[in-house]
Amino acid sequence: MNSNILVQTSYLDPVSVYSGFYWDYGIEYFGTCADFTDNYIDTRDTVPGSNIPLPHGFTFDVTLLQTPEYSLIPPHAWPTRYYLNAYKAQQVPILYLGNANTLQSYKKGEYLVLH
């Protein structure tokens, strides 16, 4: 194991189903192989597993952040668009190495609604 390598995974509207029959795969495993995991969901999405918090990371509900400008983007695509916009504006809620002090105030598996 190389302690100099840190793994961050970001799940943008993660679909939990695997092979069409293992419905809780993502809920059980997404984020288990990373040092840090953040998840972005829209609770209006009806795709299984993509609208609920994931226990192995920090889940950000971005549902309420969709502005009229982006009103035509469906719930399944909104978390990805949100993240791209936030990244370009350097406003992603938590970047693993960039927000070390912020991380101390959160607990893994925490669900955070962004307004």
PDB file of N, CA and C in Angstrom:
ATOM      1  N   MET A   1       0.840  -1.181   0.000  1.00  0.00           N
ATOM      2  CA  MET A   1       0.000   0.000   0.000  1.00  0.00           C
ATOM      3  C   MET A   1       0.883   1.242   0.000  1.00  0.00           C
ATOM      4  N   ASN A   2       0.575   2.188  -0.854  1.00  0.00           N
ATOM      5  CA  ASN A   2       1.344   3.425  -0.971  1.00  0.00           C
ATOM      6  C   ASN A   2       0.586   4.530  -0.240  1.00  0.00           C
ATOM      7  N   SER A   3       1.138   5.004   0.854  1.00  0.00           N
ATOM      8  CA  SER A   3       0.460   6.032   1.647  1.00  0.00           C
ATOM      9  C   SER A   3       0.484   7.401   0.982  1.00  0.00           C
ATOM     10  N   ASN A   4       1.219   7.547  -0.122  1.00  0.00           N
ATOM     11  CA  ASN A   4       1.259   8.812  -0.838  1.00  0.00           C
ATOM     12  C   ASN A   4       0.097   8.966  -1.823  1.00  0.00           C
ATOM     13  N   ILE A   5      -0.636   7.903  -2.033  1.00  0.00           N
ATOM     14  CA  ILE A   5      -1.753   7.943  -2.975  1.00  0.00           C
ATOM     15  C   ILE A   5      -3.058   8.081  -2.188  1.00  0.00           C
ATOM     16  N   LEU A   6      -3.817   9.108  -2.545  1.00  0.00           N
ATOM     17  CA  LEU A   6      -5.132   9.310  -1.941  1.00  0.00           C
ATOM     18  C   LEU A   6      -6.174   9.167  -3.038  1.00  0.00           C
ATOM     19  N   VAL A   7      -7.241   8.453  -2.730  1.00  0.00           N
ATOM     20  CA  VAL A   7      -8.289   8.207  -3.712  1.00  0.00           C
ATOM     21  C   VAL A   7      -9.549   8.957  -3.309  1.00  0.00           C
ATOM     22  N   GLN A   8     -10.027   9.803  -4.222  1.00  0.00           N
ATOM     23  CA  GLN A   8     -11.291  10.502  -4.019  1.00  0.00           C
ATOM     24  C   GLN A   8     -12.252  10.024  -5.106  1.00  0.00           C
ATOM     25  N   THR A   9     -13.463   9.678  -4.696  1.00  0.00           N
ATOM     26  CA  THR A   9     -14.508   9.353  -5.664  1.00  0.00           C
ATOM     27  C   THR A   9     -15.647  10.336  -5.473  1.00  0.00           C
ATOM     28  N   SER A  10     -16.187  10.798  -6.582  1.00  0.00           N
ATOM     29  CA  SER A  10     -17.350  11.688  -6.562  1.00  0.00           C
ATOM     30  C   SER A  10     -18.438  11.013  -7.376  1.00  0.00           C
ATOM     31  N   TYR A  11     -19.577  10.765  -6.752  1.00  0.00           N
ATOM     32  CA  TYR A  11     -20.702  10.125  -7.427  1.00  0.00           C
ATOM     33  C   TYR A  11     -21.741  11.190  -7.747  1.00  0.00           C
ATOM     34  N   LEU A  12     -22.005  11.337  -9.040  1.00  0.00           N
ATOM     35  CA  LEU A  12     -22.939  12.342  -9.507  1.00  0.00           C
ATOM     36  C   LEU A  12     -24.205  11.626  -9.951  1.00  0.00           C
ATOM     37  N   ASP A  13     -25.222  11.658  -9.097  1.00  0.00           N
ATOM     38  CA  ASP A  13     -26.465  10.950  -9.344  1.00  0.00           C
ATOM     39  C   ASP A  13     -26.192   9.461  -9.516  1.00  0.00           C
ATOM     40  N   PRO A  14     -25.636   8.820  -8.496  1.00  0.00           N
ATOM     41  CA  PRO A  14     -25.215   7.426  -8.621  1.00  0.00           C
ATOM     42  C   PRO A  14     -26.387   6.458  -8.759  1.00  0.00           C
ATOM     43  N   VAL A  15     -26.315   5.605  -9.754  1.00  0.00           N
ATOM     44  CA  VAL A  15     -27.330   4.565  -9.957  1.00  0.00           C
ATOM     45  C   VAL A  15     -26.861   3.331  -9.210  1.00  0.00           C
ATOM     46  N   SER A  16     -27.672   2.843  -8.309  1.00  0.00           N
ATOM     47  CA  SER A  16     -27.281   1.774  -7.415  1.00  0.00           C
ATOM     48  C   SER A  16     -27.350   0.384  -8.035  1.00  0.00           C
ATOM     49  N   VAL A  17     -28.204   0.195  -9.011  1.00  0.00           N
ATOM     50  CA  VAL A  17     -28.444  -1.148  -9.557  1.00  0.00           C
ATOM     51  C   VAL A  17     -27.231  -1.650 -10.348  1.00  0.00           C
ATOM     52  N   TYR A  18     -26.938  -2.937 -10.189  1.00  0.00           N
ATOM     53  CA  TYR A  18     -25.822  -3.579 -10.873  1.00  0.00           C
ATOM     54  C   TYR A  18     -26.350  -4.812 -11.602  1.00  0.00           C
ATOM     55  N   SER A  19     -26.089  -4.918 -12.885  1.00  0.00           N
ATOM     56  CA  SER A  19     -26.507  -6.052 -13.722  1.00  0.00           C
ATOM     57  C   SER A  19     -28.013  -6.262 -13.773  1.00  0.00           C
ATOM     58  N   GLY A  20     -28.763  -5.256 -13.453  1.00  0.00           N
ATOM     59  CA  GLY A  20     -30.212  -5.350 -13.579  1.00  0.00           C
ATOM     60  C   GLY A  20     -30.939  -6.102 -12.478  1.00  0.00           C
ATOM     61  N   PHE A  21     -30.210  -6.637 -11.502  1.00  0.00           N
ATOM     62  CA  PHE A  21     -30.901  -7.365 -10.442  1.00  0.00           C
ATOM     63  C   PHE A  21     -30.381  -7.079  -9.038  1.00  0.00           C
ATOM     64  N   TYR A  22     -29.176  -6.582  -8.892  1.00  0.00           N
ATOM     65  CA  TYR A  22     -28.615  -6.303  -7.570  1.00  0.00           C
ATOM     66  C   TYR A  22     -28.894  -4.826  -7.284  1.00  0.00           C
ATOM     67  N   TRP A  23     -30.081  -4.540  -6.746  1.00  0.00           N
ATOM     68  CA  TRP A  23     -30.598  -3.182  -6.610  1.00  0.00           C
ATOM     69  C   TRP A  23     -29.859  -2.328  -5.593  1.00  0.00           C
ATOM     70  N   ASP A  24     -29.244  -2.919  -4.593  1.00  0.00           N
ATOM     71  CA  ASP A  24     -28.571  -2.154  -3.545  1.00  0.00           C
ATOM     72  C   ASP A  24     -27.051  -2.144  -3.671  1.00  0.00           C
ATOM     73  N   TYR A  25     -26.522  -2.552  -4.801  1.00  0.00           N
ATOM     74  CA  TYR A  25     -25.075  -2.631  -4.967  1.00  0.00           C
ATOM     75  C   TYR A  25     -24.385  -1.303  -4.653  1.00  0.00           C
ATOM     76  N   GLY A  26     -24.827  -0.238  -5.270  1.00  0.00           N
ATOM     77  CA  GLY A  26     -24.205   1.066  -5.051  1.00  0.00           C
ATOM     78  C   GLY A  26     -24.352   1.558  -3.627  1.00  0.00           C
ATOM     79  N   ILE A  27     -25.513   1.321  -3.052  1.00  0.00           N
ATOM     80  CA  ILE A  27     -25.758   1.740  -1.666  1.00  0.00           C
ATOM     81  C   ILE A  27     -24.785   1.023  -0.733  1.00  0.00           C
ATOM     82  N   GLU A  28     -24.527  -0.227  -1.003  1.00  0.00           N
ATOM     83  CA  GLU A  28     -23.636  -1.007  -0.141  1.00  0.00           C
ATOM     84  C   GLU A  28     -22.151  -0.745  -0.410  1.00  0.00           C
ATOM     85  N   TYR A  29     -21.785  -0.468  -1.660  1.00  0.00           N
ATOM     86  CA  TYR A  29     -20.362  -0.459  -1.997  1.00  0.00           C
ATOM     87  C   TYR A  29     -19.770   0.867  -2.471  1.00  0.00           C
ATOM     88  N   PHE A  30     -20.562   1.775  -3.021  1.00  0.00           N
ATOM     89  CA  PHE A  30     -19.982   3.017  -3.540  1.00  0.00           C
ATOM     90  C   PHE A  30     -19.285   3.769  -2.408  1.00  0.00           C
ATOM     91  N   GLY A  31     -18.035   4.068  -2.603  1.00  0.00           N
ATOM     92  CA  GLY A  31     -17.253   4.816  -1.623  1.00  0.00           C
ATOM     93  C   GLY A  31     -16.428   3.971  -0.679  1.00  0.00           C
ATOM     94  N   THR A  32     -16.549   2.663  -0.745  1.00  0.00           N
ATOM     95  CA  THR A  32     -15.813   1.814   0.197  1.00  0.00           C
ATOM     96  C   THR A  32     -14.337   1.682  -0.133  1.00  0.00           C
ATOM     97  N   CYS A  33     -13.943   2.005  -1.341  1.00  0.00           N
ATOM     98  CA  CYS A  33     -12.542   1.839  -1.752  1.00  0.00           C
ATOM     99  C   CYS A  33     -11.812   3.170  -1.885  1.00  0.00           C
ATOM    100  N   ALA A  34     -12.329   4.206  -1.264  1.00  0.00           N
ATOM    101  CA  ALA A  34     -11.714   5.534  -1.400  1.00  0.00           C
ATOM    102  C   ALA A  34     -11.387   6.115  -0.031  1.00  0.00           C
ATOM    103  N   ASP A  35     -10.435   7.025  -0.028  1.00  0.00           N
ATOM    104  CA  ASP A  35     -10.118   7.766   1.193  1.00  0.00           C
ATOM    105  C   ASP A  35     -11.199   8.804   1.478  1.00  0.00           C
ATOM    106  N   PHE A  36     -11.801   9.295   0.418  1.00  0.00           N
ATOM    107  CA  PHE A  36     -12.841  10.310   0.545  1.00  0.00           C
ATOM    108  C   PHE A  36     -13.851  10.122  -0.570  1.00  0.00           C
ATOM    109  N   THR A  37     -15.134  10.229  -0.233  1.00  0.00           N
ATOM    110  CA  THR A  37     -16.202  10.091  -1.221  1.00  0.00           C
ATOM    111  C   THR A  37     -17.249  11.161  -0.990  1.00  0.00           C
ATOM    112  N   ASP A  38     -17.629  11.842  -2.073  1.00  0.00           N
ATOM    113  CA  ASP A  38     -18.765  12.754  -1.998  1.00  0.00           C
ATOM    114  C   ASP A  38     -19.779  12.337  -3.059  1.00  0.00           C
ATOM    115  N   ASN A  39     -21.045  12.531  -2.728  1.00  0.00           N
ATOM    116  CA  ASN A  39     -22.156  12.112  -3.571  1.00  0.00           C
ATOM    117  C   ASN A  39     -23.087  13.292  -3.765  1.00  0.00           C
ATOM    118  N   TYR A  40     -23.635  13.419  -4.950  1.00  0.00           N
ATOM    119  CA  TYR A  40     -24.551  14.519  -5.259  1.00  0.00           C
ATOM    120  C   TYR A  40     -25.827  13.914  -5.824  1.00  0.00           C
ATOM    121  N   ILE A  41     -26.960  14.229  -5.183  1.00  0.00           N
ATOM    122  CA  ILE A  41     -28.231  13.634  -5.595  1.00  0.00           C
ATOM    123  C   ILE A  41     -29.309  14.697  -5.782  1.00  0.00           C
ATOM    124  N   ASP A  42     -30.336  14.313  -6.521  1.00  0.00           N
ATOM    125  CA  ASP A  42     -31.567  15.093  -6.659  1.00  0.00           C
ATOM    126  C   ASP A  42     -32.671  14.161  -6.176  1.00  0.00           C
ATOM    127  N   THR A  43     -33.346  14.521  -5.123  1.00  0.00           N
ATOM    128  CA  THR A  43     -34.345  13.630  -4.517  1.00  0.00           C
ATOM    129  C   THR A  43     -35.581  13.445  -5.389  1.00  0.00           C
ATOM    130  N   ARG A  44     -35.729  14.233  -6.443  1.00  0.00           N
ATOM    131  CA  ARG A  44     -36.864  14.058  -7.358  1.00  0.00           C
ATOM    132  C   ARG A  44     -36.619  12.932  -8.355  1.00  0.00           C
ATOM    133  N   ASP A  45     -35.398  12.458  -8.438  1.00  0.00           N
ATOM    134  CA  ASP A  45     -35.046  11.407  -9.383  1.00  0.00           C
ATOM    135  C   ASP A  45     -35.715  10.092  -8.963  1.00  0.00           C
ATOM    136  N   THR A  46     -36.196   9.346  -9.924  1.00  0.00           N
ATOM    137  CA  THR A  46     -36.879   8.085  -9.615  1.00  0.00           C
ATOM    138  C   THR A  46     -36.025   6.863  -9.930  1.00  0.00           C
ATOM    139  N   VAL A  47     -34.775   7.065 -10.360  1.00  0.00           N
ATOM    140  CA  VAL A  47     -33.884   5.952 -10.645  1.00  0.00           C
ATOM    141  C   VAL A  47     -33.408   5.354  -9.319  1.00  0.00           C
ATOM    142  N   PRO A  48     -33.544   4.034  -9.126  1.00  0.00           N
ATOM    143  CA  PRO A  48     -33.183   3.412  -7.843  1.00  0.00           C
ATOM    144  C   PRO A  48     -31.766   3.727  -7.380  1.00  0.00           C
ATOM    145  N   GLY A  49     -31.679   4.190  -6.142  1.00  0.00           N
ATOM    146  CA  GLY A  49     -30.385   4.456  -5.520  1.00  0.00           C
ATOM    147  C   GLY A  49     -29.795   5.805  -5.829  1.00  0.00           C
ATOM    148  N   SER A  50     -30.334   6.527  -6.798  1.00  0.00           N
ATOM    149  CA  SER A  50     -29.725   7.800  -7.162  1.00  0.00           C
ATOM    150  C   SER A  50     -30.366   8.982  -6.444  1.00  0.00           C
ATOM    151  N   ASN A  51     -31.311   8.718  -5.576  1.00  0.00           N
ATOM    152  CA  ASN A  51     -32.006   9.801  -4.878  1.00  0.00           C
ATOM    153  C   ASN A  51     -31.962   9.652  -3.356  1.00  0.00           C
ATOM    154  N   ILE A  52     -31.040   8.840  -2.862  1.00  0.00           N
ATOM    155  CA  ILE A  52     -30.922   8.613  -1.416  1.00  0.00           C
ATOM    156  C   ILE A  52     -29.459   8.770  -0.981  1.00  0.00           C
ATOM    157  N   PRO A  53     -29.238   9.069   0.286  1.00  0.00           N
ATOM    158  CA  PRO A  53     -27.856   9.195   0.779  1.00  0.00           C
ATOM    159  C   PRO A  53     -27.105   7.868   0.694  1.00  0.00           C
ATOM    160  N   LEU A  54     -25.819   7.954   0.433  1.00  0.00           N
ATOM    161  CA  LEU A  54     -24.959   6.771   0.432  1.00  0.00           C
ATOM    162  C   LEU A  54     -24.164   6.756   1.737  1.00  0.00           C
ATOM    163  N   PRO A  55     -24.093   5.619   2.407  1.00  0.00           N
ATOM    164  CA  PRO A  55     -23.495   5.567   3.749  1.00  0.00           C
ATOM    165  C   PRO A  55     -21.978   5.695   3.823  1.00  0.00           C
ATOM    166  N   HIS A  56     -21.276   5.536   2.711  1.00  0.00           N
ATOM    167  CA  HIS A  56     -19.808   5.533   2.766  1.00  0.00           C
ATOM    168  C   HIS A  56     -19.180   6.832   2.302  1.00  0.00           C
ATOM    169  N   GLY A  57     -19.924   7.905   2.396  1.00  0.00           N
ATOM    170  CA  GLY A  57     -19.389   9.196   1.976  1.00  0.00           C
ATOM    171  C   GLY A  57     -20.288  10.316   2.451  1.00  0.00           C
ATOM    172  N   PHE A  58     -20.030  11.491   1.932  1.00  0.00           N
ATOM    173  CA  PHE A  58     -20.834  12.668   2.241  1.00  0.00           C
ATOM    174  C   PHE A  58     -21.824  12.857   1.100  1.00  0.00           C
ATOM    175  N   THR A  59     -23.113  12.904   1.413  1.00  0.00           N
ATOM    176  CA  THR A  59     -24.125  13.057   0.372  1.00  0.00           C
ATOM    177  C   THR A  59     -24.692  14.462   0.411  1.00  0.00           C
ATOM    178  N   PHE A  60     -24.631  15.128  -0.729  1.00  0.00           N
ATOM    179  CA  PHE A  60     -25.164  16.475  -0.868  1.00  0.00           C
ATOM    180  C   PHE A  60     -26.416  16.428  -1.733  1.00  0.00           C
ATOM    181  N   ASP A  61     -27.523  16.869  -1.166  1.00  0.00           N
ATOM    182  CA  ASP A  61     -28.786  16.963  -1.896  1.00  0.00           C
ATOM    183  C   ASP A  61     -28.815  18.335  -2.566  1.00  0.00           C
ATOM    184  N   VAL A  62     -28.740  18.349  -3.899  1.00  0.00           N
ATOM    185  CA  VAL A  62     -28.689  19.601  -4.643  1.00  0.00           C
ATOM    186  C   VAL A  62     -30.033  19.943  -5.290  1.00  0.00           C
ATOM    187  N   THR A  63     -31.091  19.263  -4.890  1.00  0.00           N
ATOM    188  CA  THR A  63     -32.423  19.451  -5.466  1.00  0.00           C
ATOM    189  C   THR A  63     -32.839  20.919  -5.445  1.00  0.00           C
ATOM    190  N   LEU A  64     -32.706  21.567  -4.311  1.00  0.00           N
ATOM    191  CA  LEU A  64     -33.185  22.941  -4.142  1.00  0.00           C
ATOM    192  C   LEU A  64     -32.304  23.989  -4.818  1.00  0.00           C
ATOM    193  N   LEU A  65     -31.170  23.582  -5.360  1.00  0.00           N
ATOM    194  CA  LEU A  65     -30.262  24.532  -6.005  1.00  0.00           C
ATOM    195  C   LEU A  65     -30.530  24.696  -7.498  1.00  0.00           C
ATOM    196  N   GLN A  66     -31.466  23.941  -8.026  1.00  0.00           N
ATOM    197  CA  GLN A  66     -31.756  24.059  -9.458  1.00  0.00           C
ATOM    198  C   GLN A  66     -32.503  25.362  -9.708  1.00  0.00           C
ATOM    199  N   THR A  67     -31.902  26.230 -10.491  1.00  0.00           N
ATOM    200  CA  THR A  67     -32.460  27.547 -10.772  1.00  0.00           C
ATOM    201  C   THR A  67     -33.312  27.509 -12.038  1.00  0.00           C
ATOM    202  N   PRO A  68     -34.137  28.527 -12.248  1.00  0.00           N
ATOM    203  CA  PRO A  68     -34.948  28.574 -13.476  1.00  0.00           C
ATOM    204  C   PRO A  68     -34.103  28.450 -14.752  1.00  0.00           C
ATOM    205  N   GLU A  69     -32.894  28.961 -14.707  1.00  0.00           N
ATOM    206  CA  GLU A  69     -31.984  28.869 -15.853  1.00  0.00           C
ATOM    207  C   GLU A  69     -31.747  27.418 -16.284  1.00  0.00           C
ATOM    208  N   TYR A  70     -31.783  26.508 -15.305  1.00  0.00           N
ATOM    209  CA  TYR A  70     -31.525  25.093 -15.567  1.00  0.00           C
ATOM    210  C   TYR A  70     -32.779  24.236 -15.401  1.00  0.00           C
ATOM    211  N   SER A  71     -33.940  24.835 -15.478  1.00  0.00           N
ATOM    212  CA  SER A  71     -35.193  24.127 -15.213  1.00  0.00           C
ATOM    213  C   SER A  71     -35.502  23.000 -16.201  1.00  0.00           C
ATOM    214  N   LEU A  72     -34.926  23.022 -17.383  1.00  0.00           N
ATOM    215  CA  LEU A  72     -35.193  21.969 -18.358  1.00  0.00           C
ATOM    216  C   LEU A  72     -34.300  20.745 -18.175  1.00  0.00           C
ATOM    217  N   ILE A  73     -33.343  20.832 -17.272  1.00  0.00           N
ATOM    218  CA  ILE A  73     -32.473  19.682 -17.000  1.00  0.00           C
ATOM    219  C   ILE A  73     -33.231  18.723 -16.083  1.00  0.00           C
ATOM    220  N   PRO A  74     -33.420  17.464 -16.505  1.00  0.00           N
ATOM    221  CA  PRO A  74     -34.172  16.510 -15.689  1.00  0.00           C
ATOM    222  C   PRO A  74     -33.445  16.151 -14.382  1.00  0.00           C
ATOM    223  N   PRO A  75     -34.186  15.695 -13.370  1.00  0.00           N
ATOM    224  CA  PRO A  75     -33.587  15.366 -12.073  1.00  0.00           C
ATOM    225  C   PRO A  75     -32.410  14.386 -12.158  1.00  0.00           C
ATOM    226  N   HIS A  76     -32.449  13.459 -13.095  1.00  0.00           N
ATOM    227  CA  HIS A  76     -31.367  12.477 -13.202  1.00  0.00           C
ATOM    228  C   HIS A  76     -30.069  13.113 -13.714  1.00  0.00           C
ATOM    229  N   ALA A  77     -30.172  14.237 -14.408  1.00  0.00           N
ATOM    230  CA  ALA A  77     -28.990  14.913 -14.946  1.00  0.00           C
ATOM    231  C   ALA A  77     -28.565  16.129 -14.115  1.00  0.00           C
ATOM    232  N   TRP A  78     -29.436  16.614 -13.242  1.00  0.00           N
ATOM    233  CA  TRP A  78     -29.130  17.837 -12.493  1.00  0.00           C
ATOM    234  C   TRP A  78     -27.891  17.730 -11.595  1.00  0.00           C
ATOM    235  N   PRO A  79     -27.667  16.665 -10.817  1.00  0.00           N
ATOM    236  CA  PRO A  79     -26.462  16.627  -9.979  1.00  0.00           C
ATOM    237  C   PRO A  79     -25.158  16.760 -10.776  1.00  0.00           C
ATOM    238  N   THR A  80     -25.111  16.180 -11.959  1.00  0.00           N
ATOM    239  CA  THR A  80     -23.918  16.293 -12.786  1.00  0.00           C
ATOM    240  C   THR A  80     -23.723  17.731 -13.249  1.00  0.00           C
ATOM    241  N   ARG A  81     -24.783  18.374 -13.715  1.00  0.00           N
ATOM    242  CA  ARG A  81     -24.698  19.769 -14.156  1.00  0.00           C
ATOM    243  C   ARG A  81     -24.318  20.665 -12.978  1.00  0.00           C
ATOM    244  N   TYR A  82     -24.944  20.428 -11.807  1.00  0.00           N
ATOM    245  CA  TYR A  82     -24.603  21.213 -10.617  1.00  0.00           C
ATOM    246  C   TYR A  82     -23.101  21.115 -10.326  1.00  0.00           C
ATOM    247  N   TYR A  83     -22.582  19.891 -10.305  1.00  0.00           N
ATOM    248  CA  TYR A  83     -21.181  19.679  -9.961  1.00  0.00           C
ATOM    249  C   TYR A  83     -20.248  20.364 -10.961  1.00  0.00           C
ATOM    250  N   LEU A  84     -20.538  20.237 -12.248  1.00  0.00           N
ATOM    251  CA  LEU A  84     -19.717  20.891 -13.266  1.00  0.00           C
ATOM    252  C   LEU A  84     -19.701  22.412 -13.061  1.00  0.00           C
ATOM    253  N   ASN A  85     -20.869  22.978 -12.812  1.00  0.00           N
ATOM    254  CA  ASN A  85     -20.943  24.428 -12.580  1.00  0.00           C
ATOM    255  C   ASN A  85     -20.182  24.819 -11.313  1.00  0.00           C
ATOM    256  N   ALA A  86     -20.358  24.063 -10.248  1.00  0.00           N
ATOM    257  CA  ALA A  86     -19.682  24.363  -8.977  1.00  0.00           C
ATOM    258  C   ALA A  86     -18.170  24.217  -9.113  1.00  0.00           C
ATOM    259  N   TYR A  87     -17.740  23.200  -9.846  1.00  0.00           N
ATOM    260  CA  TYR A  87     -16.308  22.998 -10.031  1.00  0.00           C
ATOM    261  C   TYR A  87     -15.684  24.153 -10.818  1.00  0.00           C
ATOM    262  N   LYS A  88     -16.341  24.552 -11.886  1.00  0.00           N
ATOM    263  CA  LYS A  88     -15.829  25.661 -12.693  1.00  0.00           C
ATOM    264  C   LYS A  88     -15.765  26.955 -11.889  1.00  0.00           C
ATOM    265  N   ALA A  89     -16.719  27.143 -10.981  1.00  0.00           N
ATOM    266  CA  ALA A  89     -16.759  28.356 -10.151  1.00  0.00           C
ATOM    267  C   ALA A  89     -15.950  28.200  -8.861  1.00  0.00           C
ATOM    268  N   GLN A  90     -15.265  27.074  -8.720  1.00  0.00           N
ATOM    269  CA  GLN A  90     -14.497  26.735  -7.515  1.00  0.00           C
ATOM    270  C   GLN A  90     -15.366  26.820  -6.260  1.00  0.00           C
ATOM    271  N   GLN A  91     -16.584  26.248  -6.366  1.00  0.00           N
ATOM    272  CA  GLN A  91     -17.527  26.264  -5.245  1.00  0.00           C
ATOM    273  C   GLN A  91     -18.042  24.868  -4.892  1.00  0.00           C
ATOM    274  N   VAL A  92     -17.273  23.845  -5.215  1.00  0.00           N
ATOM    275  CA  VAL A  92     -17.657  22.494  -4.820  1.00  0.00           C
ATOM    276  C   VAL A  92     -17.646  22.465  -3.289  1.00  0.00           C
ATOM    277  N   PRO A  93     -18.706  21.944  -2.660  1.00  0.00           N
ATOM    278  CA  PRO A  93     -18.786  22.000  -1.183  1.00  0.00           C
ATOM    279  C   PRO A  93     -17.570  21.453  -0.455  1.00  0.00           C
ATOM    280  N   ILE A  94     -17.046  20.313  -0.906  1.00  0.00           N
ATOM    281  CA  ILE A  94     -15.863  19.746  -0.260  1.00  0.00           C
ATOM    282  C   ILE A  94     -14.958  19.164  -1.335  1.00  0.00           C
ATOM    283  N   LEU A  95     -13.736  19.622  -1.373  1.00  0.00           N
ATOM    284  CA  LEU A  95     -12.704  18.962  -2.160  1.00  0.00           C
ATOM    285  C   LEU A  95     -11.744  18.369  -1.137  1.00  0.00           C
ATOM    286  N   TYR A  96     -11.448  17.121  -1.258  1.00  0.00           N
ATOM    287  CA  TYR A  96     -10.719  16.383  -0.225  1.00  0.00           C
ATOM    288  C   TYR A  96      -9.481  17.102   0.299  1.00  0.00           C
ATOM    289  N   LEU A  97      -8.564  17.442  -0.544  1.00  0.00           N
ATOM    290  CA  LEU A  97      -7.349  18.103  -0.075  1.00  0.00           C
ATOM    291  C   LEU A  97      -7.530  19.599   0.106  1.00  0.00           C
ATOM    292  N   GLY A  98      -8.466  20.195  -0.606  1.00  0.00           N
ATOM    293  CA  GLY A  98      -8.658  21.631  -0.548  1.00  0.00           C
ATOM    294  C   GLY A  98      -9.433  22.115   0.663  1.00  0.00           C
ATOM    295  N   ASN A  99     -10.143  21.239   1.336  1.00  0.00           N
ATOM    296  CA  ASN A  99     -10.977  21.643   2.463  1.00  0.00           C
ATOM    297  C   ASN A  99     -10.729  20.763   3.687  1.00  0.00           C
ATOM    298  N   ALA A 100      -9.500  20.537   4.030  1.00  0.00           N
ATOM    299  CA  ALA A 100      -9.171  19.653   5.152  1.00  0.00           C
ATOM    300  C   ALA A 100      -9.828  20.106   6.454  1.00  0.00           C
ATOM    301  N   ASN A 101      -9.868  21.398   6.707  1.00  0.00           N
ATOM    302  CA  ASN A 101     -10.490  21.902   7.937  1.00  0.00           C
ATOM    303  C   ASN A 101     -12.000  21.700   7.912  1.00  0.00           C
ATOM    304  N   THR A 102     -12.623  21.884   6.758  1.00  0.00           N
ATOM    305  CA  THR A 102     -14.063  21.697   6.623  1.00  0.00           C
ATOM    306  C   THR A 102     -14.448  20.254   6.893  1.00  0.00           C
ATOM    307  N   LEU A 103     -13.624  19.319   6.461  1.00  0.00           N
ATOM    308  CA  LEU A 103     -13.934  17.902   6.632  1.00  0.00           C
ATOM    309  C   LEU A 103     -14.126  17.515   8.090  1.00  0.00           C
ATOM    310  N   GLN A 104     -13.441  18.161   8.978  1.00  0.00           N
ATOM    311  CA  GLN A 104     -13.539  17.812  10.391  1.00  0.00           C
ATOM    312  C   GLN A 104     -14.937  18.054  10.952  1.00  0.00           C
ATOM    313  N   SER A 105     -15.716  18.926  10.322  1.00  0.00           N
ATOM    314  CA  SER A 105     -17.052  19.219  10.837  1.00  0.00           C
ATOM    315  C   SER A 105     -18.111  18.262  10.302  1.00  0.00           C
ATOM    316  N   TYR A 106     -17.742  17.355   9.394  1.00  0.00           N
ATOM    317  CA  TYR A 106     -18.689  16.395   8.825  1.00  0.00           C
ATOM    318  C   TYR A 106     -18.377  14.980   9.285  1.00  0.00           C
ATOM    319  N   LYS A 107     -19.381  14.136   9.247  1.00  0.00           N
ATOM    320  CA  LYS A 107     -19.207  12.723   9.569  1.00  0.00           C
ATOM    321  C   LYS A 107     -19.512  11.906   8.327  1.00  0.00           C
ATOM    322  N   LYS A 108     -18.750  10.834   8.114  1.00  0.00           N
ATOM    323  CA  LYS A 108     -18.985   9.970   6.966  1.00  0.00           C
ATOM    324  C   LYS A 108     -20.415   9.431   7.031  1.00  0.00           C
ATOM    325  N   GLY A 109     -21.068   9.418   5.904  1.00  0.00           N
ATOM    326  CA  GLY A 109     -22.445   8.971   5.842  1.00  0.00           C
ATOM    327  C   GLY A 109     -23.443  10.085   6.079  1.00  0.00           C
ATOM    328  N   GLU A 110     -22.946  11.310   6.335  1.00  0.00           N
ATOM    329  CA  GLU A 110     -23.828  12.429   6.622  1.00  0.00           C
ATOM    330  C   GLU A 110     -24.571  12.889   5.374  1.00  0.00           C
ATOM    331  N   TYR A 111     -25.798  13.308   5.565  1.00  0.00           N
ATOM    332  CA  TYR A 111     -26.675  13.789   4.503  1.00  0.00           C
ATOM    333  C   TYR A 111     -26.856  15.282   4.675  1.00  0.00           C
ATOM    334  N   LEU A 112     -26.499  16.057   3.651  1.00  0.00           N
ATOM    335  CA  LEU A 112     -26.532  17.509   3.744  1.00  0.00           C
ATOM    336  C   LEU A 112     -27.373  18.077   2.614  1.00  0.00           C
ATOM    337  N   VAL A 113     -28.377  18.863   2.958  1.00  0.00           N
ATOM    338  CA  VAL A 113     -29.218  19.508   1.960  1.00  0.00           C
ATOM    339  C   VAL A 113     -28.633  20.889   1.693  1.00  0.00           C
ATOM    340  N   LEU A 114     -28.272  21.146   0.444  1.00  0.00           N
ATOM    341  CA  LEU A 114     -27.716  22.440   0.079  1.00  0.00           C
ATOM    342  C   LEU A 114     -28.845  23.360  -0.361  1.00  0.00           C
ATOM    343  N   HIS A 115     -28.804  24.597   0.102  1.00  0.00           N
ATOM    344  CA  HIS A 115     -29.852  25.599  -0.227  1.00  0.00           C
ATOM    345  C   HIS A 115     -29.253  26.705  -1.053  1.00  0.00           C
TER     346      HIS A 115
END
